[in-house]
Structure formats: C-alpha cells, structure tokens
N, C-alpha and C. Protein backbone atom coordinates (compact mmCIF):
# COMPACT_ATOMS: atom_id res chain seq x y z
N MET A 1 -12.03 9.82 40.63
CA MET A 1 -10.71 9.74 40.08
C MET A 1 -9.71 9.73 41.23
N PHE A 2 -8.73 8.88 41.12
CA PHE A 2 -7.65 8.78 42.08
C PHE A 2 -6.58 9.75 41.61
N LYS A 3 -6.23 10.72 42.42
CA LYS A 3 -5.34 11.80 42.00
C LYS A 3 -3.88 11.42 42.13
N GLY A 4 -3.23 11.21 40.97
CA GLY A 4 -1.80 11.06 40.88
C GLY A 4 -1.21 9.92 41.67
N PHE A 5 -0.02 9.56 41.29
CA PHE A 5 0.74 8.57 42.01
C PHE A 5 2.20 8.74 41.64
N LEU A 6 3.05 8.03 42.34
CA LEU A 6 4.48 8.14 42.08
C LEU A 6 4.97 6.90 41.36
N SER A 7 5.90 7.08 40.45
CA SER A 7 6.52 5.95 39.78
C SER A 7 7.47 5.28 40.76
N ALA A 8 8.05 4.17 40.34
CA ALA A 8 9.01 3.46 41.18
C ALA A 8 10.21 4.34 41.49
N LYS A 9 10.50 5.31 40.65
CA LYS A 9 11.63 6.21 40.85
C LYS A 9 11.23 7.45 41.64
N GLY A 10 9.97 7.54 42.08
CA GLY A 10 9.52 8.66 42.87
C GLY A 10 9.06 9.86 42.07
N GLU A 11 8.97 9.74 40.75
CA GLU A 11 8.52 10.86 39.94
C GLU A 11 7.00 10.86 39.84
N HIS A 12 6.40 12.05 39.77
CA HIS A 12 4.95 12.17 39.70
C HIS A 12 4.44 11.64 38.37
N MET A 13 3.37 10.86 38.42
CA MET A 13 2.76 10.29 37.22
C MET A 13 1.37 10.88 37.05
N SER A 14 0.72 10.53 35.97
CA SER A 14 -0.62 11.03 35.66
C SER A 14 -1.67 10.45 36.62
N ASP A 15 -2.85 11.07 36.58
CA ASP A 15 -3.96 10.61 37.41
C ASP A 15 -4.46 9.26 36.94
N ILE A 16 -4.99 8.49 37.89
CA ILE A 16 -5.63 7.22 37.60
C ILE A 16 -7.12 7.49 37.51
N VAL A 17 -7.72 7.16 36.39
CA VAL A 17 -9.15 7.34 36.18
C VAL A 17 -9.80 5.96 36.22
N ILE A 18 -10.83 5.81 37.04
CA ILE A 18 -11.58 4.56 37.13
C ILE A 18 -12.90 4.77 36.39
N ARG A 19 -13.21 3.86 35.50
CA ARG A 19 -14.46 3.93 34.74
C ARG A 19 -14.98 2.52 34.48
N HIS A 20 -16.23 2.47 34.02
CA HIS A 20 -16.81 1.18 33.66
C HIS A 20 -16.16 0.66 32.39
N VAL A 21 -16.00 -0.63 32.30
CA VAL A 21 -15.41 -1.25 31.12
C VAL A 21 -16.34 -1.07 29.91
N THR A 22 -15.77 -0.99 28.73
CA THR A 22 -16.53 -0.93 27.48
C THR A 22 -16.02 -2.04 26.55
N PRO A 23 -16.81 -2.42 25.56
CA PRO A 23 -16.33 -3.43 24.61
C PRO A 23 -15.01 -3.06 23.92
N GLU A 24 -14.76 -1.77 23.80
CA GLU A 24 -13.51 -1.32 23.17
C GLU A 24 -12.28 -1.63 24.03
N ASP A 25 -12.47 -2.04 25.28
CA ASP A 25 -11.36 -2.37 26.16
C ASP A 25 -10.86 -3.80 25.99
N ALA A 26 -11.48 -4.57 25.09
CA ALA A 26 -11.13 -5.98 24.93
C ALA A 26 -9.64 -6.18 24.64
N ALA A 27 -9.07 -5.41 23.73
CA ALA A 27 -7.65 -5.60 23.37
C ALA A 27 -6.75 -5.30 24.56
N ALA A 28 -7.07 -4.28 25.34
CA ALA A 28 -6.25 -3.93 26.50
C ALA A 28 -6.32 -5.04 27.56
N LEU A 29 -7.50 -5.58 27.80
CA LEU A 29 -7.64 -6.65 28.79
C LEU A 29 -6.96 -7.93 28.30
N HIS A 30 -7.05 -8.18 27.00
CA HIS A 30 -6.34 -9.32 26.40
C HIS A 30 -4.84 -9.18 26.65
N ARG A 31 -4.32 -7.98 26.50
CA ARG A 31 -2.90 -7.72 26.72
C ARG A 31 -2.53 -7.90 28.20
N ILE A 32 -3.32 -7.31 29.10
CA ILE A 32 -3.01 -7.38 30.53
C ILE A 32 -3.06 -8.81 31.04
N TYR A 33 -4.14 -9.53 30.74
CA TYR A 33 -4.28 -10.90 31.25
C TYR A 33 -3.43 -11.89 30.47
N GLY A 34 -2.84 -11.46 29.37
CA GLY A 34 -1.89 -12.29 28.63
C GLY A 34 -0.47 -12.16 29.13
N GLN A 35 -0.21 -11.19 29.98
CA GLN A 35 1.14 -11.04 30.55
C GLN A 35 1.40 -12.24 31.46
N PRO A 36 2.57 -12.86 31.33
CA PRO A 36 2.82 -14.10 32.08
C PRO A 36 2.56 -14.00 33.59
N ASP A 37 2.98 -12.92 34.23
CA ASP A 37 2.80 -12.82 35.68
C ASP A 37 1.34 -12.59 36.05
N THR A 38 0.63 -11.77 35.26
CA THR A 38 -0.79 -11.53 35.53
C THR A 38 -1.58 -12.81 35.33
N GLN A 39 -1.30 -13.51 34.25
CA GLN A 39 -1.99 -14.77 33.98
C GLN A 39 -1.73 -15.77 35.10
N ALA A 40 -0.48 -15.86 35.55
CA ALA A 40 -0.13 -16.82 36.60
C ALA A 40 -0.73 -16.46 37.95
N SER A 41 -1.03 -15.19 38.17
CA SER A 41 -1.58 -14.73 39.46
C SER A 41 -3.10 -14.77 39.49
N THR A 42 -3.72 -15.13 38.36
CA THR A 42 -5.18 -15.22 38.28
C THR A 42 -5.55 -16.64 37.83
N LEU A 43 -6.82 -16.87 37.60
CA LEU A 43 -7.26 -18.17 37.11
C LEU A 43 -7.42 -18.18 35.58
N HIS A 44 -6.91 -17.14 34.92
CA HIS A 44 -6.96 -17.10 33.46
C HIS A 44 -5.98 -18.10 32.87
N LEU A 45 -6.35 -18.69 31.75
CA LEU A 45 -5.47 -19.61 31.06
C LEU A 45 -4.55 -18.85 30.11
N PRO A 46 -3.38 -19.39 29.83
CA PRO A 46 -2.51 -18.72 28.86
C PRO A 46 -3.13 -18.78 27.46
N ASN A 47 -2.73 -17.84 26.65
CA ASN A 47 -3.12 -17.80 25.23
C ASN A 47 -4.62 -17.67 25.01
N ALA A 48 -5.31 -16.93 25.88
CA ALA A 48 -6.73 -16.67 25.66
C ALA A 48 -6.87 -15.84 24.39
N SER A 49 -7.94 -16.03 23.68
CA SER A 49 -8.12 -15.34 22.41
C SER A 49 -8.70 -13.94 22.62
N LEU A 50 -8.36 -13.07 21.72
CA LEU A 50 -8.95 -11.74 21.72
C LEU A 50 -10.46 -11.85 21.49
N GLN A 51 -10.87 -12.81 20.70
CA GLN A 51 -12.30 -13.03 20.44
C GLN A 51 -13.05 -13.34 21.74
N MET A 52 -12.43 -14.11 22.64
CA MET A 52 -13.06 -14.42 23.93
C MET A 52 -13.32 -13.13 24.71
N TRP A 53 -12.34 -12.20 24.71
CA TRP A 53 -12.51 -10.94 25.42
C TRP A 53 -13.60 -10.09 24.77
N HIS A 54 -13.64 -10.06 23.45
CA HIS A 54 -14.71 -9.32 22.76
C HIS A 54 -16.07 -9.88 23.16
N ALA A 55 -16.22 -11.20 23.15
CA ALA A 55 -17.50 -11.83 23.50
C ALA A 55 -17.87 -11.56 24.95
N ARG A 56 -16.89 -11.65 25.85
CA ARG A 56 -17.15 -11.43 27.27
C ARG A 56 -17.63 -10.01 27.54
N LEU A 57 -17.02 -9.04 26.87
CA LEU A 57 -17.40 -7.64 27.11
C LEU A 57 -18.65 -7.23 26.33
N ALA A 58 -18.96 -7.92 25.25
CA ALA A 58 -20.16 -7.61 24.47
C ALA A 58 -21.43 -8.04 25.19
N THR A 59 -21.33 -9.11 25.97
CA THR A 59 -22.50 -9.62 26.69
C THR A 59 -22.15 -9.88 28.15
N PRO A 60 -21.95 -8.81 28.93
CA PRO A 60 -21.58 -9.01 30.35
C PRO A 60 -22.73 -9.64 31.13
N GLN A 61 -22.38 -10.35 32.17
CA GLN A 61 -23.37 -10.96 33.05
C GLN A 61 -24.13 -9.86 33.78
N PRO A 62 -25.44 -10.05 34.02
CA PRO A 62 -26.22 -8.99 34.67
C PRO A 62 -25.78 -8.68 36.10
N ASN A 63 -25.13 -9.62 36.76
CA ASN A 63 -24.69 -9.39 38.14
C ASN A 63 -23.22 -8.97 38.22
N ALA A 64 -22.64 -8.58 37.08
CA ALA A 64 -21.22 -8.21 37.04
C ALA A 64 -21.06 -6.69 37.01
N HIS A 65 -20.09 -6.22 37.77
CA HIS A 65 -19.71 -4.80 37.77
C HIS A 65 -18.23 -4.79 37.41
N LEU A 66 -17.93 -4.31 36.21
CA LEU A 66 -16.58 -4.37 35.66
C LEU A 66 -16.01 -2.97 35.52
N LEU A 67 -14.90 -2.73 36.20
CA LEU A 67 -14.24 -1.43 36.14
C LEU A 67 -12.84 -1.58 35.57
N VAL A 68 -12.36 -0.51 34.94
CA VAL A 68 -10.98 -0.45 34.50
C VAL A 68 -10.32 0.79 35.09
N ALA A 69 -9.00 0.70 35.24
CA ALA A 69 -8.19 1.84 35.65
C ALA A 69 -7.42 2.30 34.43
N CYS A 70 -7.45 3.62 34.19
CA CYS A 70 -6.78 4.19 33.03
C CYS A 70 -5.79 5.26 33.47
N ILE A 71 -4.67 5.29 32.79
CA ILE A 71 -3.68 6.36 32.96
C ILE A 71 -3.42 6.91 31.56
N ASP A 72 -3.63 8.20 31.41
CA ASP A 72 -3.51 8.83 30.09
C ASP A 72 -4.31 8.07 29.04
N GLU A 73 -5.52 7.66 29.42
CA GLU A 73 -6.48 6.96 28.56
C GLU A 73 -6.06 5.54 28.19
N GLU A 74 -4.97 5.02 28.75
CA GLU A 74 -4.57 3.64 28.52
C GLU A 74 -5.10 2.79 29.68
N VAL A 75 -5.75 1.67 29.35
CA VAL A 75 -6.24 0.75 30.36
C VAL A 75 -5.04 0.02 30.96
N VAL A 76 -4.87 0.16 32.30
CA VAL A 76 -3.72 -0.43 32.98
C VAL A 76 -4.13 -1.39 34.10
N GLY A 77 -5.42 -1.57 34.31
CA GLY A 77 -5.90 -2.49 35.32
C GLY A 77 -7.38 -2.71 35.19
N GLN A 78 -7.85 -3.80 35.75
CA GLN A 78 -9.26 -4.15 35.68
C GLN A 78 -9.67 -4.84 36.96
N CYS A 79 -10.90 -4.59 37.39
CA CYS A 79 -11.45 -5.24 38.57
C CYS A 79 -12.88 -5.67 38.26
N ALA A 80 -13.21 -6.89 38.62
CA ALA A 80 -14.54 -7.43 38.38
C ALA A 80 -15.17 -7.80 39.71
N LEU A 81 -16.41 -7.42 39.88
CA LEU A 81 -17.19 -7.73 41.06
C LEU A 81 -18.45 -8.44 40.59
N HIS A 82 -18.71 -9.61 41.15
CA HIS A 82 -19.91 -10.37 40.80
C HIS A 82 -20.77 -10.54 42.04
N THR A 83 -21.97 -9.99 41.99
CA THR A 83 -22.89 -10.12 43.11
C THR A 83 -23.63 -11.45 43.01
N GLU A 84 -23.98 -11.98 44.14
CA GLU A 84 -24.70 -13.25 44.20
C GLU A 84 -26.16 -13.06 43.80
N GLU A 85 -26.69 -14.06 43.12
CA GLU A 85 -28.10 -14.02 42.71
C GLU A 85 -28.99 -14.79 43.67
N ARG A 86 -28.43 -15.77 44.38
CA ARG A 86 -29.24 -16.58 45.30
C ARG A 86 -29.74 -15.72 46.45
N ALA A 87 -30.99 -15.89 46.79
CA ALA A 87 -31.67 -15.03 47.76
C ALA A 87 -30.92 -14.91 49.09
N ARG A 88 -30.41 -15.99 49.61
CA ARG A 88 -29.79 -15.97 50.92
C ARG A 88 -28.35 -15.46 50.88
N ARG A 89 -27.82 -15.18 49.67
CA ARG A 89 -26.45 -14.68 49.55
C ARG A 89 -26.39 -13.38 48.74
N ARG A 90 -27.49 -12.67 48.68
CA ARG A 90 -27.51 -11.41 47.93
C ARG A 90 -26.66 -10.32 48.57
N HIS A 91 -26.23 -10.51 49.79
CA HIS A 91 -25.37 -9.55 50.49
C HIS A 91 -23.88 -9.78 50.18
N VAL A 92 -23.59 -10.75 49.28
CA VAL A 92 -22.22 -11.18 49.02
C VAL A 92 -21.82 -10.85 47.58
N ALA A 93 -20.54 -10.49 47.40
CA ALA A 93 -19.99 -10.29 46.06
C ALA A 93 -18.58 -10.87 46.04
N SER A 94 -18.20 -11.42 44.90
CA SER A 94 -16.84 -11.93 44.74
C SER A 94 -16.05 -10.99 43.84
N LEU A 95 -14.76 -10.91 44.09
CA LEU A 95 -13.91 -9.92 43.46
C LEU A 95 -12.73 -10.59 42.77
N GLY A 96 -12.33 -10.03 41.62
CA GLY A 96 -11.13 -10.46 40.92
C GLY A 96 -10.46 -9.24 40.30
N MET A 97 -9.14 -9.29 40.15
CA MET A 97 -8.43 -8.11 39.67
C MET A 97 -7.17 -8.51 38.91
N GLY A 98 -6.80 -7.65 37.96
CA GLY A 98 -5.53 -7.78 37.26
C GLY A 98 -4.96 -6.41 36.96
N VAL A 99 -3.66 -6.25 37.14
CA VAL A 99 -2.99 -4.97 36.88
C VAL A 99 -1.82 -5.21 35.94
N ASP A 100 -1.67 -4.34 34.97
CA ASP A 100 -0.58 -4.39 34.01
C ASP A 100 0.76 -4.45 34.77
N ASP A 101 1.65 -5.34 34.34
CA ASP A 101 2.96 -5.48 34.99
C ASP A 101 3.68 -4.16 35.16
N ARG A 102 3.57 -3.28 34.19
CA ARG A 102 4.31 -2.02 34.21
C ARG A 102 3.79 -1.03 35.25
N TYR A 103 2.60 -1.28 35.80
CA TYR A 103 1.97 -0.32 36.72
C TYR A 103 1.72 -0.89 38.11
N ARG A 104 2.32 -2.01 38.43
CA ARG A 104 2.15 -2.59 39.77
C ARG A 104 2.88 -1.75 40.80
N GLN A 105 2.34 -1.74 42.00
CA GLN A 105 2.92 -1.01 43.13
C GLN A 105 2.95 0.49 42.88
N ARG A 106 1.97 0.98 42.10
CA ARG A 106 1.91 2.41 41.78
C ARG A 106 0.53 3.01 42.03
N GLY A 107 -0.32 2.31 42.76
CA GLY A 107 -1.62 2.87 43.13
C GLY A 107 -2.79 2.41 42.30
N VAL A 108 -2.56 1.63 41.25
CA VAL A 108 -3.66 1.19 40.38
C VAL A 108 -4.60 0.25 41.14
N GLY A 109 -4.06 -0.76 41.80
CA GLY A 109 -4.89 -1.68 42.58
C GLY A 109 -5.63 -0.98 43.70
N THR A 110 -4.95 -0.02 44.35
CA THR A 110 -5.58 0.76 45.41
C THR A 110 -6.77 1.54 44.88
N ALA A 111 -6.60 2.18 43.73
CA ALA A 111 -7.69 2.96 43.14
C ALA A 111 -8.87 2.07 42.78
N LEU A 112 -8.60 0.91 42.20
CA LEU A 112 -9.68 -0.02 41.84
C LEU A 112 -10.38 -0.54 43.10
N MET A 113 -9.62 -0.91 44.12
CA MET A 113 -10.22 -1.42 45.35
C MET A 113 -11.06 -0.35 46.05
N ARG A 114 -10.56 0.87 46.09
CA ARG A 114 -11.30 1.96 46.72
C ARG A 114 -12.67 2.11 46.06
N GLU A 115 -12.71 2.05 44.74
CA GLU A 115 -13.98 2.21 44.03
C GLU A 115 -14.91 1.02 44.25
N MET A 116 -14.38 -0.18 44.26
CA MET A 116 -15.23 -1.36 44.47
C MET A 116 -15.77 -1.41 45.89
N VAL A 117 -14.96 -1.07 46.87
CA VAL A 117 -15.44 -1.05 48.26
C VAL A 117 -16.54 0.00 48.40
N SER A 118 -16.35 1.15 47.81
CA SER A 118 -17.38 2.20 47.85
C SER A 118 -18.67 1.72 47.18
N LEU A 119 -18.54 1.06 46.05
CA LEU A 119 -19.72 0.55 45.34
C LEU A 119 -20.49 -0.43 46.23
N CYS A 120 -19.75 -1.34 46.88
CA CYS A 120 -20.41 -2.32 47.75
C CYS A 120 -21.03 -1.67 48.98
N ASP A 121 -20.28 -0.78 49.63
CA ASP A 121 -20.74 -0.18 50.88
C ASP A 121 -21.87 0.83 50.70
N ASN A 122 -21.86 1.54 49.60
CA ASN A 122 -22.78 2.67 49.44
C ASN A 122 -23.89 2.49 48.42
N TRP A 123 -23.81 1.48 47.57
CA TRP A 123 -24.79 1.38 46.49
C TRP A 123 -25.41 0.01 46.33
N LEU A 124 -24.65 -1.06 46.55
CA LEU A 124 -25.13 -2.40 46.20
C LEU A 124 -25.70 -3.18 47.38
N GLN A 125 -25.63 -2.65 48.58
CA GLN A 125 -26.06 -3.37 49.78
C GLN A 125 -25.30 -4.68 49.95
N VAL A 126 -24.02 -4.66 49.55
CA VAL A 126 -23.14 -5.81 49.73
C VAL A 126 -22.38 -5.60 51.03
N SER A 127 -22.53 -6.54 51.95
CA SER A 127 -21.83 -6.41 53.23
C SER A 127 -20.68 -7.41 53.36
N ARG A 128 -20.57 -8.32 52.40
CA ARG A 128 -19.47 -9.31 52.42
C ARG A 128 -18.85 -9.39 51.03
N MET A 129 -17.57 -9.03 50.95
CA MET A 129 -16.80 -9.15 49.71
C MET A 129 -15.85 -10.32 49.89
N GLU A 130 -15.79 -11.22 48.90
CA GLU A 130 -14.97 -12.41 48.97
C GLU A 130 -14.00 -12.46 47.79
N LEU A 131 -12.87 -13.15 48.00
CA LEU A 131 -11.92 -13.37 46.92
C LEU A 131 -11.00 -14.52 47.30
N THR A 132 -10.30 -15.04 46.30
CA THR A 132 -9.22 -15.98 46.53
C THR A 132 -7.95 -15.34 45.98
N VAL A 133 -6.84 -15.64 46.62
CA VAL A 133 -5.54 -15.10 46.20
C VAL A 133 -4.49 -16.16 46.48
N PHE A 134 -3.60 -16.38 45.51
CA PHE A 134 -2.55 -17.36 45.71
C PHE A 134 -1.67 -16.96 46.89
N VAL A 135 -1.27 -17.93 47.68
CA VAL A 135 -0.54 -17.66 48.93
C VAL A 135 0.80 -16.97 48.69
N ASP A 136 1.35 -17.10 47.48
CA ASP A 136 2.64 -16.48 47.20
C ASP A 136 2.51 -15.08 46.58
N ASN A 137 1.31 -14.52 46.57
CA ASN A 137 1.09 -13.19 46.00
C ASN A 137 1.03 -12.16 47.14
N GLY A 138 2.18 -11.93 47.75
CA GLY A 138 2.27 -11.03 48.90
C GLY A 138 1.74 -9.63 48.66
N PRO A 139 2.09 -8.97 47.53
CA PRO A 139 1.58 -7.62 47.31
C PRO A 139 0.04 -7.55 47.25
N ALA A 140 -0.58 -8.54 46.61
CA ALA A 140 -2.04 -8.54 46.53
C ALA A 140 -2.65 -8.78 47.91
N ILE A 141 -2.09 -9.71 48.67
CA ILE A 141 -2.60 -9.97 50.02
C ILE A 141 -2.51 -8.71 50.87
N ALA A 142 -1.39 -8.00 50.79
CA ALA A 142 -1.23 -6.76 51.55
C ALA A 142 -2.25 -5.71 51.13
N LEU A 143 -2.50 -5.59 49.83
CA LEU A 143 -3.50 -4.64 49.33
C LEU A 143 -4.87 -4.97 49.91
N TYR A 144 -5.28 -6.22 49.82
CA TYR A 144 -6.59 -6.60 50.32
C TYR A 144 -6.70 -6.37 51.82
N GLN A 145 -5.64 -6.66 52.55
CA GLN A 145 -5.67 -6.44 54.00
C GLN A 145 -5.82 -4.96 54.33
N ARG A 146 -5.21 -4.07 53.54
CA ARG A 146 -5.37 -2.63 53.77
C ARG A 146 -6.83 -2.21 53.65
N PHE A 147 -7.62 -2.95 52.88
CA PHE A 147 -9.04 -2.63 52.71
C PHE A 147 -9.93 -3.45 53.63
N GLY A 148 -9.36 -4.09 54.63
CA GLY A 148 -10.14 -4.78 55.63
C GLY A 148 -10.42 -6.24 55.35
N PHE A 149 -9.81 -6.81 54.32
CA PHE A 149 -9.98 -8.24 54.06
C PHE A 149 -9.15 -9.03 55.06
N GLU A 150 -9.68 -10.17 55.46
CA GLU A 150 -8.98 -11.07 56.37
C GLU A 150 -8.91 -12.45 55.74
N ILE A 151 -7.83 -13.16 56.04
CA ILE A 151 -7.70 -14.54 55.57
C ILE A 151 -8.61 -15.40 56.43
N GLU A 152 -9.53 -16.11 55.77
CA GLU A 152 -10.46 -16.97 56.50
C GLU A 152 -10.07 -18.44 56.42
N GLY A 153 -9.21 -18.77 55.49
CA GLY A 153 -8.76 -20.15 55.35
C GLY A 153 -7.84 -20.28 54.16
N THR A 154 -7.24 -21.45 54.04
CA THR A 154 -6.33 -21.72 52.94
C THR A 154 -6.77 -23.01 52.25
N ALA A 155 -6.90 -22.93 50.94
CA ALA A 155 -7.27 -24.10 50.14
C ALA A 155 -5.99 -24.74 49.61
N LYS A 156 -5.72 -25.94 50.03
CA LYS A 156 -4.53 -26.67 49.58
C LYS A 156 -4.78 -27.15 48.14
N GLY A 157 -3.78 -27.00 47.29
CA GLY A 157 -3.90 -27.45 45.90
C GLY A 157 -5.04 -26.79 45.17
N PHE A 158 -5.24 -25.50 45.38
CA PHE A 158 -6.40 -24.76 44.85
C PHE A 158 -6.46 -24.75 43.33
N ALA A 159 -5.33 -24.49 42.65
CA ALA A 159 -5.35 -24.38 41.20
C ALA A 159 -4.00 -24.78 40.61
N MET A 160 -4.04 -25.22 39.38
CA MET A 160 -2.84 -25.62 38.66
C MET A 160 -2.15 -24.39 38.09
N ARG A 161 -0.82 -24.32 38.28
CA ARG A 161 -0.01 -23.25 37.69
C ARG A 161 1.35 -23.84 37.32
N HIS A 162 1.69 -23.74 36.07
CA HIS A 162 2.97 -24.24 35.57
C HIS A 162 3.24 -25.69 36.01
N GLY A 163 2.20 -26.52 35.95
CA GLY A 163 2.36 -27.93 36.23
C GLY A 163 2.33 -28.35 37.67
N GLU A 164 2.06 -27.42 38.58
CA GLU A 164 1.95 -27.81 39.98
C GLU A 164 0.74 -27.15 40.62
N LEU A 165 0.22 -27.81 41.64
CA LEU A 165 -0.93 -27.28 42.36
C LEU A 165 -0.46 -26.24 43.37
N ILE A 166 -1.14 -25.10 43.37
CA ILE A 166 -0.77 -23.96 44.21
C ILE A 166 -1.90 -23.71 45.22
N ASP A 167 -1.52 -23.41 46.45
CA ASP A 167 -2.49 -23.09 47.50
C ASP A 167 -3.00 -21.66 47.32
N ALA A 168 -4.18 -21.41 47.83
CA ALA A 168 -4.76 -20.06 47.79
C ALA A 168 -5.46 -19.78 49.11
N HIS A 169 -5.43 -18.51 49.48
CA HIS A 169 -6.17 -18.06 50.66
C HIS A 169 -7.57 -17.65 50.24
N TYR A 170 -8.54 -17.99 51.09
CA TYR A 170 -9.87 -17.40 50.99
C TYR A 170 -9.83 -16.16 51.87
N MET A 171 -10.16 -15.03 51.29
CA MET A 171 -10.19 -13.78 52.04
C MET A 171 -11.57 -13.16 51.92
N ALA A 172 -11.96 -12.42 52.95
CA ALA A 172 -13.25 -11.72 52.91
C ALA A 172 -13.16 -10.44 53.72
N ARG A 173 -14.00 -9.51 53.32
CA ARG A 173 -14.18 -8.24 54.04
C ARG A 173 -15.65 -8.18 54.41
N VAL A 174 -15.93 -8.11 55.69
CA VAL A 174 -17.31 -8.04 56.16
C VAL A 174 -17.52 -6.64 56.72
N LYS A 175 -18.47 -5.94 56.14
CA LYS A 175 -18.78 -4.57 56.60
C LYS A 175 -19.47 -4.67 57.96
N ALA A 176 -18.95 -3.93 58.90
CA ALA A 176 -19.50 -3.97 60.27
C ALA A 176 -20.83 -3.25 60.35
C-alpha cells in the first residue's frame, strides 16, 4: 500500500491501495478510459462498451498482470503489464496505464509504477519494461523517467487522435 498523498491544495488524502483487478472493476475502468483526456492519452477508442470491459476482465490473457489503484475503495487508476511469450523475449514486458482525471498528479501513477517495477524486478524475471507514450504527454514521460525509463526513439505518426496522426516515444527501462 502506498501511504497517503496530498491533494492539489496540499491537504492530506486517503491511502492508495494497489490490488489485482477483478471482474467487478469493469464499470470503473469503463468510466476511467471513457474520460476524454484518458482516452486521448491511450490507444483506447472513444465510446467503448461496458460489455467489452466485462469480457476483457472475465477472461484475462494468461500473460497479463492487471493492477488497479484504489482510494477509499474507489478504483482511480489501472496499470497493465503483458509479458512476452516468445522464448527469446521472455525477459520483456510491455506496460500501459490510465489514471482518473480527478486523481492525476496525486501519486496514483507513482504507486502503480512502483508496484509494477517491483513485480518485474523481484518476481517475474523481467529485465526490460517497454511502453509507448504520446510525445505531448509530459507528466507521463516524467513519471516513467523517474522509474528509470529512457526514450529510445520516436515513432512519427504513431496513432490517430482527433483526426490527426500523433507521434509517440518508445521508452524502456532495462534492469542493470
């Protein structure tokens, strides 16, 4: 558990609890990834159905490690880690994350990243964590860099967002 954090106004808030996702979290994830800014900062499409989230959580992929961050039992963030199945890339995992608009810059992403890095370093034998992040997502880039991720390259026209192609950085953290 990540102990406490401060609100934007500097007031003490409740503890952030990190736990494994459950099928009952489908509505909360539907809400988080349906927020315009969260949707635009990820590869999720707008107007995803609640049924899609129920199906995704009911039958998770065997190589997926899905965590949520909760404050006062409300799901306020999610992080997904997918380990590689191919023999020569079993040391690699890819990462994706979304945080509720109301809880950004309050420690939720830090708590999720801390847990995922620990999982990779101490339990999964993952020595390379990879992700993509849109070049205009400064707060996310800064968070990843605090955990040792480095920009390895930039993909021009990586994904469509609001009718235009947006560049993304390839970032990775390699455990020494």
